Protein backbone atom coordinates (compact mmCIF):
# COMPACT_ATOMS: atom_id res chain seq x y z
CA MET A 1 -108.91 167.89 -67.06
CA SER A 2 -109.75 171.40 -68.17
CA VAL A 3 -109.37 173.94 -70.91
CA GLY A 4 -106.36 175.19 -68.96
CA ASP A 5 -104.66 171.77 -69.25
CA VAL A 6 -105.01 171.74 -73.04
CA TRP A 7 -104.05 175.39 -73.32
CA PHE A 8 -100.94 174.77 -71.20
CA ALA A 9 -99.90 171.79 -73.30
CA ILE A 10 -100.12 173.86 -76.50
CA LYS A 11 -98.55 176.98 -75.06
CA SER A 12 -95.60 175.05 -73.57
CA ARG A 13 -95.10 173.07 -76.79
CA ASN A 14 -95.63 169.87 -74.82
CA ALA A 15 -96.73 167.46 -77.52
CA GLY A 16 -96.47 164.49 -75.12
CA LEU A 17 -98.87 166.03 -72.61
CA LEU A 18 -101.27 167.00 -75.38
CA SER A 19 -101.23 163.43 -76.72
CA THR A 20 -101.98 162.11 -73.23
CA LEU A 21 -104.94 164.47 -72.86
CA ILE A 22 -106.32 163.44 -76.23
CA GLU A 23 -105.88 159.74 -75.44
CA ALA A 24 -107.85 160.40 -72.25
CA ASN A 25 -110.72 161.53 -74.50
CA ALA A 26 -110.22 165.23 -74.06
CA ASP A 27 -112.58 167.04 -76.40
CA VAL A 28 -109.78 169.29 -77.62
CA GLU A 29 -111.76 171.24 -80.16
CA GLY A 30 -114.82 171.51 -77.95
CA MET A 31 -112.78 172.57 -74.97
CA LEU A 32 -111.15 175.26 -77.03
CA SER A 33 -114.38 176.66 -78.42
CA ASP A 34 -114.21 179.64 -76.06
CA VAL A 35 -110.44 180.08 -76.24
CA SER A 36 -109.76 179.17 -79.84
CA ALA A 37 -106.76 181.48 -79.85
CA SER A 38 -104.80 178.68 -78.16
CA LEU A 39 -105.48 176.39 -81.12
CA HIS A 40 -104.20 179.06 -83.49
CA LEU A 41 -101.19 179.59 -81.28
CA ALA A 42 -99.69 176.26 -82.29
CA PHE A 43 -100.02 177.04 -85.98
CA ARG A 44 -99.03 180.68 -85.68
CA ASP A 45 -95.80 180.10 -83.79
CA GLY A 46 -94.76 176.98 -85.62
CA PHE A 47 -95.03 174.46 -82.78
CA THR A 48 -94.57 171.69 -85.33
CA GLU A 49 -94.94 168.65 -83.06
CA VAL A 50 -98.01 170.15 -81.39
CA VAL A 51 -99.48 170.90 -84.82
CA ARG A 52 -98.95 167.28 -85.82
CA VAL A 53 -100.71 165.97 -82.69
CA LEU A 54 -103.68 168.29 -83.26
CA LEU A 55 -104.00 167.30 -86.90
CA ASP A 56 -103.79 163.61 -86.05
CA ALA A 57 -106.65 164.23 -83.61
CA LYS A 58 -108.70 165.65 -86.51
CA VAL A 59 -108.97 169.12 -85.02
CA SER A 60 -110.57 171.42 -87.56
CA VAL A 61 -108.09 173.39 -89.64
CA GLY A 62 -110.79 175.84 -90.66
CA VAL A 63 -111.50 177.47 -87.29
CA GLN A 64 -111.36 181.26 -87.64
CA ILE A 65 -110.77 183.94 -85.09
CA PRO A 66 -112.70 187.09 -86.06
CA SER A 67 -110.45 189.58 -87.84
CA LEU A 68 -107.45 187.21 -87.66
CA GLY A 69 -108.24 184.23 -89.85
CA THR A 70 -107.48 180.53 -89.92
CA PRO A 71 -104.37 178.63 -88.82
CA LEU A 72 -103.28 178.74 -92.46
CA HIS A 73 -103.33 182.54 -92.31
CA TYR A 74 -101.00 182.34 -89.30
CA ALA A 75 -98.66 179.90 -91.00
CA ALA A 76 -98.48 182.25 -94.00
CA LEU A 77 -97.83 185.21 -91.69
CA LYS A 78 -94.91 183.34 -90.08
CA ASN A 79 -93.63 181.98 -93.42
CA ASN A 80 -93.61 178.55 -91.76
CA GLU A 81 -93.22 176.14 -94.63
CA GLU A 82 -93.57 172.99 -92.53
CA ALA A 83 -96.82 174.19 -90.95
CA LEU A 84 -98.10 175.25 -94.36
CA ARG A 85 -97.36 171.82 -95.79
CA MET A 86 -99.13 170.01 -92.95
CA LEU A 87 -102.18 172.25 -93.14
CA ILE A 88 -102.42 171.97 -96.91
CA ASP A 89 -102.08 168.18 -96.63
CA ALA A 90 -104.92 168.31 -94.09
CA LYS A 91 -107.10 169.97 -96.75
CA ALA A 92 -107.10 173.46 -95.27
CA ASN A 93 -108.92 175.92 -97.51
CA VAL A 94 -106.14 177.86 -99.23
CA ASN A 95 -108.61 180.52 -100.36
CA ALA A 96 -110.31 181.08 -97.00
CA ARG A 97 -111.00 184.76 -96.40
CA ALA A 98 -110.34 186.65 -93.19
CA MET A 99 -110.55 190.37 -92.39
CA ARG A 100 -110.86 192.61 -95.48
CA GLY A 101 -111.30 189.47 -97.55
CA GLN A 102 -107.66 188.49 -97.28
CA THR A 103 -106.66 184.90 -97.98
CA PRO A 104 -103.49 183.20 -96.73
CA LEU A 105 -101.91 184.10 -100.08
CA HIS A 106 -102.67 187.76 -99.44
CA VAL A 107 -101.11 187.54 -95.98
CA ALA A 108 -97.94 185.99 -97.41
CA ALA A 109 -97.77 188.58 -100.21
CA ASP A 110 -98.38 191.42 -97.77
CA HIS A 111 -95.18 190.40 -95.94
CA CYS A 112 -93.14 189.43 -99.00
CA HIS A 113 -93.04 185.78 -97.89
CA THR A 114 -92.34 184.42 -101.34
CA GLU A 115 -91.68 180.84 -100.20
CA ALA A 116 -95.09 180.67 -98.55
CA MET A 117 -96.67 182.22 -101.61
CA GLN A 118 -95.10 179.55 -103.82
CA LYS A 119 -96.51 176.72 -101.68
CA LEU A 120 -99.97 178.28 -101.61
CA ILE A 121 -100.05 178.87 -105.36
CA GLU A 122 -98.97 175.26 -105.93
CA ALA A 123 -101.95 174.29 -103.78
CA LYS A 124 -104.24 176.32 -106.09
CA ALA A 125 -104.47 179.49 -104.07
CA SER A 126 -105.39 182.39 -106.31
CA PHE A 127 -105.33 186.16 -106.37
CA ARG A 128 -108.64 188.01 -106.41
CA VAL A 129 -108.75 189.87 -109.69
CA ARG A 130 -111.34 190.30 -112.39
CA ARG A 131 -111.01 188.07 -115.43
CA ARG A 132 -109.20 184.76 -115.43
CA MET A 133 -106.65 186.15 -117.88
CA ASN A 134 -105.55 188.74 -115.34
CA ALA A 135 -105.28 186.07 -112.64
CA ARG A 136 -102.97 184.09 -114.93
CA LEU A 137 -100.91 187.24 -115.46
CA PHE A 138 -100.45 187.52 -111.67
CA GLU A 139 -99.28 183.92 -111.48
CA ALA A 140 -96.93 184.23 -114.45
CA ALA A 141 -95.47 187.44 -113.04
CA PHE A 142 -94.87 185.83 -109.66
CA THR A 143 -93.15 182.77 -111.10
CA GLY A 144 -91.09 184.83 -113.55
CA ASP A 145 -92.58 183.14 -116.61
CA ILE A 146 -91.65 185.93 -119.02
CA ALA A 147 -92.98 184.12 -122.09
CA SER A 148 -96.42 183.72 -120.51
CA VAL A 149 -96.38 187.34 -119.35
CA ARG A 150 -95.68 188.53 -122.89
CA ARG A 151 -98.37 186.24 -124.35
CA LEU A 152 -101.00 187.34 -121.83
CA LEU A 153 -100.22 191.00 -122.41
CA ASP A 154 -100.55 190.42 -126.17
CA GLU A 155 -103.94 188.88 -125.42
CA ARG A 156 -104.95 192.10 -123.64
CA ALA A 157 -104.38 191.11 -120.05
CA ASN A 158 -104.32 194.26 -117.95
CA PRO A 159 -100.81 195.12 -116.64
CA ASN A 160 -102.50 197.28 -113.99
CA ALA A 161 -105.02 194.68 -112.84
CA CYS A 162 -105.32 195.04 -109.09
CA ASP A 163 -106.00 192.62 -106.28
CA ARG A 164 -107.92 195.04 -104.10
CA SER A 165 -107.57 192.96 -100.95
CA ILE A 166 -103.99 194.18 -100.62
CA ASP A 167 -103.80 196.70 -103.48
CA ILE A 168 -101.11 195.05 -105.56
CA THR A 169 -100.61 194.69 -109.29
CA PRO A 170 -98.38 192.20 -111.19
CA LEU A 171 -95.50 194.68 -110.96
CA TYR A 172 -95.51 194.32 -107.16
CA LEU A 173 -95.05 190.57 -107.51
CA VAL A 174 -92.04 190.83 -109.79
CA ALA A 175 -90.60 193.48 -107.47
CA MET A 176 -90.86 191.21 -104.43
CA THR A 177 -89.32 188.25 -106.28
CA GLY A 178 -86.65 190.27 -108.07
CA GLN A 179 -87.71 189.43 -111.63
CA SER A 180 -86.14 192.48 -113.28
CA ASP A 181 -86.62 191.24 -116.86
CA VAL A 182 -90.33 190.68 -116.24
CA ALA A 183 -90.52 194.11 -114.62
CA LYS A 184 -89.19 195.65 -117.85
CA VAL A 185 -91.85 193.82 -119.89
CA LEU A 186 -94.65 195.05 -117.62
CA LEU A 187 -93.30 198.60 -117.61
CA ASP A 188 -93.08 198.55 -121.40
CA ALA A 189 -96.77 197.57 -121.35
CA LYS A 190 -97.51 200.73 -119.31
CA ALA A 191 -97.69 199.18 -115.86
CA ALA A 192 -97.90 201.99 -113.31
CA VAL A 193 -94.43 202.18 -111.80
CA ASP A 194 -95.66 203.43 -108.42
CA GLY A 195 -98.77 201.29 -108.30
CA ARG A 196 -102.28 201.81 -109.49
CA HIS A 197 -103.41 203.97 -106.56
CA ALA A 198 -100.31 206.15 -106.15
CA GLU A 199 -102.06 209.36 -107.25
CA ASP A 200 -105.18 208.76 -105.14
CA ASN A 201 -103.32 207.55 -102.07
CA PRO A 202 -99.78 208.91 -101.76
CA ASP A 203 -99.25 207.00 -98.50
CA SER A 204 -99.36 203.56 -100.10
CA ARG A 205 -96.41 201.26 -100.67
CA THR A 206 -95.02 200.98 -104.14
CA PRO A 207 -93.27 198.22 -106.09
CA LEU A 208 -90.01 199.92 -105.15
CA HIS A 209 -90.81 199.32 -101.47
CA PHE A 210 -91.22 195.61 -102.27
CA ALA A 211 -87.96 195.46 -104.21
CA ALA A 212 -86.13 197.14 -101.33
CA ARG A 213 -87.71 194.86 -98.73
CA GLY A 214 -86.71 191.82 -100.76
CA GLY A 215 -83.15 192.96 -101.34
CA HIS A 216 -83.51 193.11 -105.11
CA SER A 217 -81.18 195.89 -106.16
CA GLY A 218 -81.41 195.08 -109.89
CA THR A 219 -85.19 195.34 -109.88
CA ALA A 220 -84.97 198.50 -107.80
CA LYS A 221 -82.70 200.00 -110.48
CA VAL A 222 -85.18 199.05 -113.23
CA LEU A 223 -88.01 200.74 -111.33
CA ILE A 224 -85.92 203.84 -110.63
CA ASP A 225 -84.95 204.09 -114.30
CA ALA A 226 -88.69 204.04 -115.04
CA ARG A 227 -89.07 207.08 -112.74
CA ALA A 228 -90.31 205.34 -109.62
CA SER A 229 -90.66 207.71 -106.67
CA VAL A 230 -87.62 207.02 -104.49
CA ASP A 231 -89.17 208.81 -101.51
CA ALA A 232 -92.64 207.29 -101.67
CA LYS A 233 -94.14 206.57 -98.25
CA ASP A 234 -96.05 203.48 -97.20
CA GLN A 235 -98.74 203.33 -94.51
CA GLU A 236 -96.07 203.63 -91.80
CA SER A 237 -94.38 206.50 -93.64
CA SER A 238 -91.39 204.29 -94.45
CA THR A 239 -89.57 204.98 -97.70
CA PRO A 240 -87.80 202.36 -99.83
CA LEU A 241 -84.55 203.52 -98.21
CA HIS A 242 -85.95 202.64 -94.77
CA CYS A 243 -86.80 199.17 -96.10
CA ALA A 244 -83.36 198.57 -97.62
CA ALA A 245 -81.56 199.88 -94.52
CA LYS A 246 -83.63 197.72 -92.17
CA ARG A 247 -82.83 194.67 -94.27
CA GLY A 248 -79.16 195.62 -94.43
CA ASP A 249 -79.08 195.45 -98.20
CA ALA A 250 -76.11 197.70 -98.80
CA THR A 251 -76.33 197.49 -102.59
CA THR A 252 -79.93 198.66 -102.69
CA VAL A 253 -79.14 201.35 -100.11
CA GLN A 254 -76.44 202.65 -102.46
CA VAL A 255 -78.73 202.42 -105.51
CA LEU A 256 -81.35 204.53 -103.72
CA ILE A 257 -78.82 207.07 -102.48
CA ASP A 258 -77.42 207.38 -106.00
CA ALA A 259 -80.99 208.09 -107.12
CA LYS A 260 -81.17 210.98 -104.64
CA ALA A 261 -83.36 209.27 -102.06
CA SER A 262 -83.66 211.49 -99.00
CA LEU A 263 -81.50 210.52 -96.06
CA TYR A 264 -83.59 212.61 -93.70
CA ARG A 265 -87.11 211.27 -94.18
CA SER A 266 -88.54 209.75 -91.01
CA ASP A 267 -91.23 207.13 -90.62
CA SER A 268 -94.29 207.31 -88.39
CA ILE A 269 -92.23 207.00 -85.18
CA GLY A 270 -89.52 209.35 -86.39
CA SER A 271 -86.92 206.76 -87.39
CA THR A 272 -84.57 207.54 -90.26
CA ALA A 273 -82.88 204.98 -92.46
CA LEU A 274 -79.80 205.33 -90.25
CA HIS A 275 -81.87 204.39 -87.19
CA LYS A 276 -83.06 201.26 -89.01
CA ALA A 277 -79.59 200.15 -90.05
CA ALA A 278 -78.03 200.93 -86.66
CA ILE A 279 -80.73 199.13 -84.66
CA ALA A 280 -80.36 196.04 -86.83
CA GLY A 281 -76.57 196.21 -86.67
CA HIS A 282 -76.07 196.38 -90.43
CA THR A 283 -72.63 197.94 -90.41
CA VAL A 284 -72.08 198.20 -94.17
CA ALA A 285 -75.39 200.02 -94.59
CA VAL A 286 -74.48 202.26 -91.63
CA LYS A 287 -71.15 203.11 -93.28
CA ILE A 288 -72.85 203.97 -96.58
CA LEU A 289 -75.46 206.16 -94.91
CA LEU A 290 -72.87 207.98 -92.82
CA GLY A 291 -70.68 208.44 -95.88
CA ALA A 292 -73.64 210.06 -97.62
CA LYS A 293 -73.99 212.48 -94.67
CA ALA A 294 -77.02 211.02 -92.94
CA ASP A 295 -77.82 212.86 -89.70
CA VAL A 296 -75.92 210.89 -87.04
CA ASP A 297 -77.95 212.50 -84.24
CA ALA A 298 -81.42 212.37 -85.80
CA ARG A 299 -84.15 212.00 -83.15
CA GLU A 300 -87.15 209.70 -83.14
CA LYS A 301 -90.45 211.48 -82.64
CA PHE A 302 -91.61 210.12 -79.29
CA SER A 303 -88.67 208.42 -77.60
CA LYS A 304 -86.13 210.98 -78.88
CA TRP A 305 -83.78 208.08 -79.57
CA THR A 306 -80.75 208.79 -81.72
CA PRO A 307 -79.25 206.03 -83.87
CA LEU A 308 -76.68 205.54 -81.09
CA HIS A 309 -79.47 204.91 -78.55
CA GLY A 310 -80.91 202.29 -80.90
CA ALA A 311 -77.62 200.54 -81.57
CA THR A 312 -76.83 200.54 -77.84
CA GLU A 313 -80.25 199.17 -76.88
CA TYR A 314 -79.65 196.08 -79.00
CA GLY A 315 -75.95 195.69 -78.27
CA ARG A 316 -74.85 196.48 -81.84
CA VAL A 317 -71.31 197.33 -80.80
CA ASP A 318 -69.81 197.58 -84.30
CA ALA A 319 -72.54 199.99 -85.37
CA MET A 320 -71.94 201.95 -82.17
CA ARG A 321 -68.26 202.33 -83.02
CA LEU A 322 -69.13 203.62 -86.49
CA LEU A 323 -71.62 206.14 -85.12
CA ILE A 324 -69.20 207.37 -82.47
CA ALA A 325 -66.44 207.69 -85.08
CA ALA A 326 -68.88 209.89 -87.04
CA LYS A 327 -69.15 212.19 -83.99
CA ALA A 328 -72.45 210.95 -82.60
CA ASP A 329 -73.41 212.72 -79.39
CA VAL A 330 -72.61 210.14 -76.71
CA ASP A 331 -74.50 212.19 -74.11
CA ALA A 332 -77.69 212.60 -76.15
CA ARG A 333 -80.76 212.31 -73.94
CA GLN A 334 -83.97 210.53 -74.85
CA THR A 335 -87.41 211.47 -73.49
CA ASP A 336 -86.72 210.40 -69.90
CA ASP A 337 -83.22 211.91 -70.02
CA GLU A 338 -81.52 208.55 -70.48
CA THR A 339 -78.31 208.62 -72.47
CA PRO A 340 -76.94 205.67 -74.45
CA LEU A 341 -74.80 204.92 -71.38
CA HIS A 342 -77.91 204.58 -69.21
CA ARG A 343 -79.38 202.08 -71.66
CA ALA A 344 -76.18 200.05 -71.88
CA ALA A 345 -75.93 199.94 -68.07
CA GLU A 346 -79.60 199.05 -67.60
CA LEU A 347 -79.33 196.16 -70.04
CA GLY A 348 -75.97 194.89 -68.86
CA HIS A 349 -74.11 195.49 -72.14
CA ASP A 350 -70.64 195.73 -70.65
CA GLU A 351 -68.81 196.09 -73.98
CA ALA A 352 -71.20 198.85 -75.00
CA VAL A 353 -70.57 200.63 -71.68
CA ARG A 354 -66.83 200.57 -72.27
CA ILE A 355 -67.19 201.81 -75.86
CA ILE A 356 -69.26 204.76 -74.64
CA PHE A 357 -67.03 205.85 -71.77
CA TYR A 358 -63.89 205.51 -73.88
CA ALA A 359 -65.65 207.99 -76.18
CA LYS A 360 -65.57 210.50 -73.30
CA ALA A 361 -69.22 210.19 -72.28
CA THR A 362 -70.24 211.96 -69.09
CA LEU A 363 -70.55 209.06 -66.67
CA ASP A 364 -72.64 210.66 -63.93
CA ILE A 365 -75.50 212.25 -65.88
CA GLU A 366 -78.79 211.66 -64.06
CA ASP A 367 -81.95 210.63 -65.88
CA SER A 368 -85.38 211.68 -64.70
CA TRP A 369 -86.38 208.50 -62.90
CA ARG A 370 -83.50 206.51 -61.44
CA GLY A 371 -80.24 208.39 -61.54
CA ALA A 372 -76.86 207.81 -63.12
CA ALA A 373 -75.81 204.82 -65.20
CA ILE A 374 -74.28 203.20 -62.13
CA HIS A 375 -77.70 203.23 -60.42
CA HIS A 376 -79.18 201.35 -63.38
CA ALA A 377 -76.41 198.76 -63.40
CA PHE A 378 -76.50 198.24 -59.63
CA ALA A 379 -80.30 197.93 -59.54
CA ARG A 380 -80.15 195.21 -62.20
CA ASP A 381 -77.23 193.41 -60.52
CA HIS A 382 -75.04 193.90 -63.59
CA ASN A 383 -71.83 193.54 -61.64
CA ALA A 384 -69.39 193.67 -64.54
CA VAL A 385 -70.95 196.94 -65.66
CA VAL A 386 -70.64 198.46 -62.19
CA HIS A 387 -66.94 197.55 -62.22
CA SER A 388 -66.51 199.00 -65.71
CA LEU A 389 -68.14 202.28 -64.70
CA LEU A 390 -65.97 202.56 -61.61
CA ASP A 391 -62.89 201.72 -63.71
CA GLY A 392 -63.92 204.59 -65.95
CA LYS A 393 -64.02 206.91 -62.93
CA ALA A 394 -67.77 207.12 -62.46
CA SER A 395 -68.53 208.56 -59.04
CA ILE A 396 -69.37 205.90 -56.49
CA ASP A 397 -71.24 208.54 -54.48
CA VAL A 398 -73.39 210.00 -57.24
CA ARG A 399 -76.94 210.48 -55.96
CA GLY A 400 -80.03 209.23 -57.73
CA SER A 401 -82.95 211.15 -59.10
CA GLY A 402 -85.70 212.08 -56.66
CA ASP A 403 -84.64 210.08 -53.62
CA LYS A 404 -81.00 211.24 -53.93
CA GLN A 405 -79.71 207.86 -52.83
CA THR A 406 -76.27 206.51 -53.64
CA ILE A 407 -75.77 202.85 -54.49
CA LEU A 408 -74.54 202.35 -50.93
CA HIS A 409 -77.92 203.57 -49.67
CA ILE A 410 -79.58 201.01 -51.94
CA ALA A 411 -77.31 198.19 -50.80
CA ALA A 412 -77.76 199.03 -47.11
CA SER A 413 -81.53 199.42 -47.27
CA ASN A 414 -81.90 196.11 -49.14
CA GLY A 415 -79.73 194.08 -46.82
CA LEU A 416 -76.97 193.41 -49.35
CA ALA A 417 -74.14 192.89 -46.91
CA SER A 418 -71.52 191.70 -49.39
CA SER A 419 -72.24 194.66 -51.69
CA VAL A 420 -72.03 197.07 -48.75
CA ARG A 421 -68.69 195.53 -47.79
CA GLU A 422 -67.20 196.00 -51.24
CA LEU A 423 -68.59 199.52 -51.68
CA VAL A 424 -67.11 200.59 -48.37
CA ASP A 425 -63.80 199.06 -49.44
CA ALA A 426 -64.04 201.11 -52.66
CA LYS A 427 -64.30 204.25 -50.48
CA ALA A 428 -68.04 204.87 -50.83
CA SER A 429 -69.15 207.52 -48.37
CA VAL A 430 -71.07 206.13 -45.41
CA ASP A 431 -72.20 209.60 -44.35
CA VAL A 432 -73.86 211.00 -47.49
CA LYS A 433 -77.54 211.86 -46.94
CA ASP A 434 -80.44 211.11 -49.26
CA ALA A 435 -83.47 213.35 -49.87
CA SER A 436 -84.99 212.35 -46.53
CA GLY A 437 -81.78 213.06 -44.63
CA MET A 438 -80.95 209.37 -44.15
CA THR A 439 -77.42 207.95 -44.48
CA PRO A 440 -76.62 204.30 -45.30
CA LEU A 441 -75.91 203.89 -41.60
CA HIS A 442 -79.43 205.04 -40.75
CA TYR A 443 -80.93 202.41 -43.09
CA ALA A 444 -78.82 199.65 -41.56
CA ALA A 445 -79.85 200.71 -38.04
CA THR A 446 -83.53 201.05 -38.99
CA GLY A 447 -83.51 197.64 -40.62
CA GLY A 448 -81.80 196.02 -37.66
CA ASP A 449 -79.12 194.52 -39.87
CA ASN A 450 -76.24 194.16 -37.45
CA GLU A 451 -73.81 192.81 -40.04
CA ILE A 452 -74.24 195.83 -42.32
CA LEU A 453 -74.21 198.13 -39.30
CA GLN A 454 -70.84 196.75 -38.20
CA ILE A 455 -69.40 197.03 -41.72
CA LEU A 456 -70.42 200.66 -41.98
CA LEU A 457 -69.24 201.50 -38.49
CA SER A 458 -65.87 199.84 -38.86
CA SER A 459 -65.33 200.61 -42.56
CA ARG A 460 -62.90 197.70 -42.62
CA THR A 461 -61.34 196.34 -45.84
CA PHE A 462 -62.86 193.00 -46.74
CA ILE A 463 -63.21 190.33 -49.37
CA GLY A 464 -66.83 190.07 -50.40
CA ARG A 465 -69.04 189.24 -53.33
CA GLN A 466 -67.41 190.51 -56.49
CA PHE A 467 -69.37 192.80 -58.78
C-alpha cells in the first residue's frame, strides 16, 4: 500500500477502504507526512465518515499546513458543525494559531459563521484582546447578553477594543448576529460605527458590511441611523449593498437604497450590486435594484459581463426575464465577443436560449474564437439548443470564426454521419467553403467516410439521430 492508496480513500470519501488500510497497519499519519493536505481535505470538505475513521485511528488533530492551519480551522471555514463537534471532542486546540495569528474562532468570525463561532466559544475559544474585561465584552456582545454588556461598559470595558487578528470590535459581532439592541448600547458608549480603523484604512469592512452579509436589516438600520458609511468598501471593494444583494436580502437592499447607497459602485472585478443579485438569481433584489434605476447594462472590469451575462451563465431564467424587461442589451458582448446567447448555447441552457431569442437577439453574431451560438451548441452536443436556435431562424450555414466552418463542416470532418444526415435534411449547404476552400464534401472524401460521402452526394431525406 502507498500514500496514494490512503490519499485516494480520503479524496473519494471511501471510509470503508480507509478502514481496511488502517486495519492492515497502514501508518496513516506517517504516510501523510509529506502530503498532509490530504488529511486536512477530509476535515475541510466535511467528509464526516472519513473524519470519524481518522479520529478513531488516533490521527493527530493538531497537524498544521503552513499558512492554512489545522483541521479545526478548515471545519470553521466550512461552518461544518458535525466536524467541529468531532474535533472538539477529540481535544483539538480551539485556540491554535495559523497565518497572521488567526485561530479557528477568527476564521469563523471572518466569514460570519455564527454557528461555528458559538460552538468554539462554548469550547472555550477566545478572542485576542487586551484585558480580560474586554474579552468578556466580546463574548457578551456576541451572545447578545445586553445586561453584561452594560455592566462591562460601566466597569470601563473598551467599546472599541480590537482583536487585531481580524480587525474587529464588539460592534462587528453584534452586527453579524443581528443584535440591534446591543448595537445601540455600544453606539451610545461611543463605539466607532465604521470600525476602529476606518479613518486609517478606508478599504476595510465595517460593521454595516457584516450586518448586510448576515441579512440583519434592523441592525443595518441602527448603524445607518448612527451615520455608518453606506458606501464603505471592504478589501474587495464590495459595499454593504453588494453584500446584501449577493445574499438576496431584499429588505436590507431596500434599507440601503433608502439611505442613498450608490447603485453604481463596482467591486474589484467590476461587479455592481445588480450583477451580484442577478448571478445569484435573487429576483426580488433584482426587482428592487432595477426599480431604483440600477444600470442594467453595467460592465464588469475584465470580462465585460453585464448582469444579463451573469444571470445567463448560471441559468437564472427569472432574473433574465426581469433584466430583459428592463431593456437589457441582449446582444451585449463580453471580452471575447460572446453574447448572453453564446453563453446559454455553450452551457446547454435551452430555456435561457429561448428567452433570449424571443427578446429579438441577433442569433448569428460571431464571437472571436468559435463562431455563432449554434457553433457552441453543436460543439457541446447540446441537441435541444441546436433545435431551438434553428426554430428561432438561426442560419444553419453561418460560418465560424477563423476557420469559417459551418456546423455541417464540423459534422462531416468528425465523422458524425447521423448529424450530417439531419443537417442535410434541414437544407444545410453541402457546397459552402471554409477558410481553406474545403466543403463538407471535401472533408468526407479526405476522411474516407463513404457513408457521409453518400449522404452529401445524394442529399436524400432521412431519419437520423435527433438533435
